[in-house]
Amino acid sequence: MANSRQATKRARQNLTKAENNNVQVTKMRTAIKKVHVAVETGEGDKDALFREAMKQIDRSATKGLIHNNKANRDKAKLAKLVQA
């Protein structure tokens, strides 16, 4: 339990930031899954979904939610999948 006003405020802020981070990571994962589904089923515009997934991955990496190397690795995998 926080003992000072500052610690209480930091605890509140940490909860809010963690919530926002989880939302962003979830958006990224969902975008990646949508690309996989579009490629497997052949339905939907896989190029548009691919671009959206790239945006979400880059945004997550910029915010420090995932490592830059993981972002690059995920983008390379998706690009290879879409081109195949």
C-alpha atoms as a PDB file:
ATOM      1  CA  MET A   1       0.000   0.000   0.000  1.00  0.00           C
ATOM      2  CA  ALA A   2       1.264   3.462  -0.857  1.00  0.00           C
ATOM      3  CA  ASN A   3       2.245   5.545   2.166  1.00  0.00           C
ATOM      4  CA  SER A   4       2.550   8.995   0.629  1.00  0.00           C
ATOM      5  CA  ARG A   5       0.492  11.125  -1.727  1.00  0.00           C
ATOM      6  CA  GLN A   6       3.161  10.790  -4.380  1.00  0.00           C
ATOM      7  CA  ALA A   7       3.227   6.998  -4.101  1.00  0.00           C
ATOM      8  CA  THR A   8      -0.568   6.867  -4.271  1.00  0.00           C
ATOM      9  CA  LYS A   9      -0.565   8.988  -7.408  1.00  0.00           C
ATOM     10  CA  ARG A  10       2.184   6.883  -9.012  1.00  0.00           C
ATOM     11  CA  ALA A  11       0.202   3.724  -8.250  1.00  0.00           C
ATOM     12  CA  ARG A  12      -2.869   5.232  -9.947  1.00  0.00           C
ATOM     13  CA  GLN A  13      -0.830   6.318 -12.950  1.00  0.00           C
ATOM     14  CA  ASN A  14       0.809   2.907 -13.246  1.00  0.00           C
ATOM     15  CA  LEU A  15      -2.585   1.210 -13.379  1.00  0.00           C
ATOM     16  CA  THR A  16      -3.777   3.592 -16.085  1.00  0.00           C
ATOM     17  CA  LYS A  17      -0.613   3.197 -18.143  1.00  0.00           C
ATOM     18  CA  ALA A  18      -0.678  -0.591 -17.826  1.00  0.00           C
ATOM     19  CA  GLU A  19      -4.279  -0.608 -19.025  1.00  0.00           C
ATOM     20  CA  ASN A  20      -3.418   1.563 -22.032  1.00  0.00           C
ATOM     21  CA  ASN A  21      -0.386  -0.606 -22.835  1.00  0.00           C
ATOM     22  CA  ASN A  22      -2.518  -3.747 -22.743  1.00  0.00           C
ATOM     23  CA  VAL A  23      -5.005  -2.156 -25.137  1.00  0.00           C
ATOM     24  CA  GLN A  24      -2.228  -1.287 -27.590  1.00  0.00           C
ATOM     25  CA  VAL A  25      -0.661  -4.761 -27.460  1.00  0.00           C
ATOM     26  CA  THR A  26      -4.095  -6.331 -27.949  1.00  0.00           C
ATOM     27  CA  LYS A  27      -4.718  -4.147 -31.013  1.00  0.00           C
ATOM     28  CA  MET A  28      -1.374  -5.242 -32.437  1.00  0.00           C
ATOM     29  CA  ARG A  29      -2.043  -8.936 -31.863  1.00  0.00           C
ATOM     30  CA  THR A  30      -5.530  -8.663 -33.327  1.00  0.00           C
ATOM     31  CA  ALA A  31      -4.186  -6.957 -36.455  1.00  0.00           C
ATOM     32  CA  ILE A  32      -1.619  -9.740 -36.879  1.00  0.00           C
ATOM     33  CA  LYS A  33      -4.300 -12.411 -36.463  1.00  0.00           C
ATOM     34  CA  LYS A  34      -6.495 -10.695 -39.053  1.00  0.00           C
ATOM     35  CA  VAL A  35      -3.663 -10.895 -41.583  1.00  0.00           C
ATOM     36  CA  HIS A  36      -3.199 -14.606 -40.858  1.00  0.00           C
ATOM     37  CA  VAL A  37      -6.926 -15.265 -41.297  1.00  0.00           C
ATOM     38  CA  ALA A  38      -7.076 -13.250 -44.529  1.00  0.00           C
ATOM     39  CA  VAL A  39      -4.149 -15.186 -45.992  1.00  0.00           C
ATOM     40  CA  GLU A  40      -5.525 -18.582 -44.933  1.00  0.00           C
ATOM     41  CA  THR A  41      -9.091 -18.027 -46.112  1.00  0.00           C
ATOM     42  CA  GLY A  42      -8.354 -15.746 -49.042  1.00  0.00           C
ATOM     43  CA  GLU A  43     -11.114 -13.403 -47.886  1.00  0.00           C
ATOM     44  CA  GLY A  44     -10.626  -9.712 -47.243  1.00  0.00           C
ATOM     45  CA  ASP A  45      -8.029  -7.278 -48.489  1.00  0.00           C
ATOM     46  CA  LYS A  46      -4.838  -8.785 -47.139  1.00  0.00           C
ATOM     47  CA  ASP A  47      -2.725  -5.836 -48.319  1.00  0.00           C
ATOM     48  CA  ALA A  48      -4.788  -3.320 -46.337  1.00  0.00           C
ATOM     49  CA  LEU A  49      -4.769  -5.594 -43.294  1.00  0.00           C
ATOM     50  CA  PHE A  50      -1.019  -6.030 -43.700  1.00  0.00           C
ATOM     51  CA  ARG A  51      -0.475  -2.247 -43.729  1.00  0.00           C
ATOM     52  CA  GLU A  52      -2.626  -1.862 -40.605  1.00  0.00           C
ATOM     53  CA  ALA A  53      -0.643  -4.601 -38.851  1.00  0.00           C
ATOM     54  CA  MET A  54       2.617  -2.829 -39.764  1.00  0.00           C
ATOM     55  CA  LYS A  55       1.286   0.387 -38.226  1.00  0.00           C
ATOM     56  CA  GLN A  56       0.266  -1.369 -35.026  1.00  0.00           C
ATOM     57  CA  ILE A  57       3.594  -3.191 -34.726  1.00  0.00           C
ATOM     58  CA  ASP A  58       5.561   0.015 -35.300  1.00  0.00           C
ATOM     59  CA  ARG A  59       3.406   1.884 -32.789  1.00  0.00           C
ATOM     60  CA  SER A  60       3.971  -0.794 -30.146  1.00  0.00           C
ATOM     61  CA  ALA A  61       7.723  -0.750 -30.748  1.00  0.00           C
ATOM     62  CA  THR A  62       7.861   3.056 -30.624  1.00  0.00           C
ATOM     63  CA  LYS A  63       6.048   3.063 -27.289  1.00  0.00           C
ATOM     64  CA  GLY A  64       8.464   0.462 -25.935  1.00  0.00           C
ATOM     65  CA  LEU A  65       5.828  -2.222 -25.502  1.00  0.00           C
ATOM     66  CA  ILE A  66       7.796  -4.681 -27.608  1.00  0.00           C
ATOM     67  CA  HIS A  67      11.480  -4.755 -28.481  1.00  0.00           C
ATOM     68  CA  ASN A  68      12.536  -3.313 -31.834  1.00  0.00           C
ATOM     69  CA  ASN A  69      14.019  -6.652 -32.885  1.00  0.00           C
ATOM     70  CA  LYS A  70      10.720  -8.415 -32.174  1.00  0.00           C
ATOM     71  CA  ALA A  71       8.893  -5.768 -34.193  1.00  0.00           C
ATOM     72  CA  ASN A  72      11.227  -6.270 -37.151  1.00  0.00           C
ATOM     73  CA  ARG A  73      10.963 -10.044 -36.848  1.00  0.00           C
ATOM     74  CA  ASP A  74       7.153  -9.936 -36.770  1.00  0.00           C
ATOM     75  CA  LYS A  75       7.012  -7.573 -39.740  1.00  0.00           C
ATOM     76  CA  ALA A  76       9.349  -9.809 -41.752  1.00  0.00           C
ATOM     77  CA  LYS A  77       7.244 -12.883 -40.974  1.00  0.00           C
ATOM     78  CA  LEU A  78       4.051 -11.138 -42.029  1.00  0.00           C
ATOM     79  CA  ALA A  79       5.619  -9.787 -45.224  1.00  0.00           C
ATOM     80  CA  LYS A  80       6.811 -13.264 -46.137  1.00  0.00           C
ATOM     81  CA  LEU A  81       3.367 -14.691 -45.399  1.00  0.00           C
ATOM     82  CA  VAL A  82       1.530 -12.089 -47.485  1.00  0.00           C
ATOM     83  CA  GLN A  83       3.887 -12.445 -50.457  1.00  0.00           C
ATOM     84  CA  ALA A  84       3.608 -16.241 -50.510  1.00  0.00           C
END
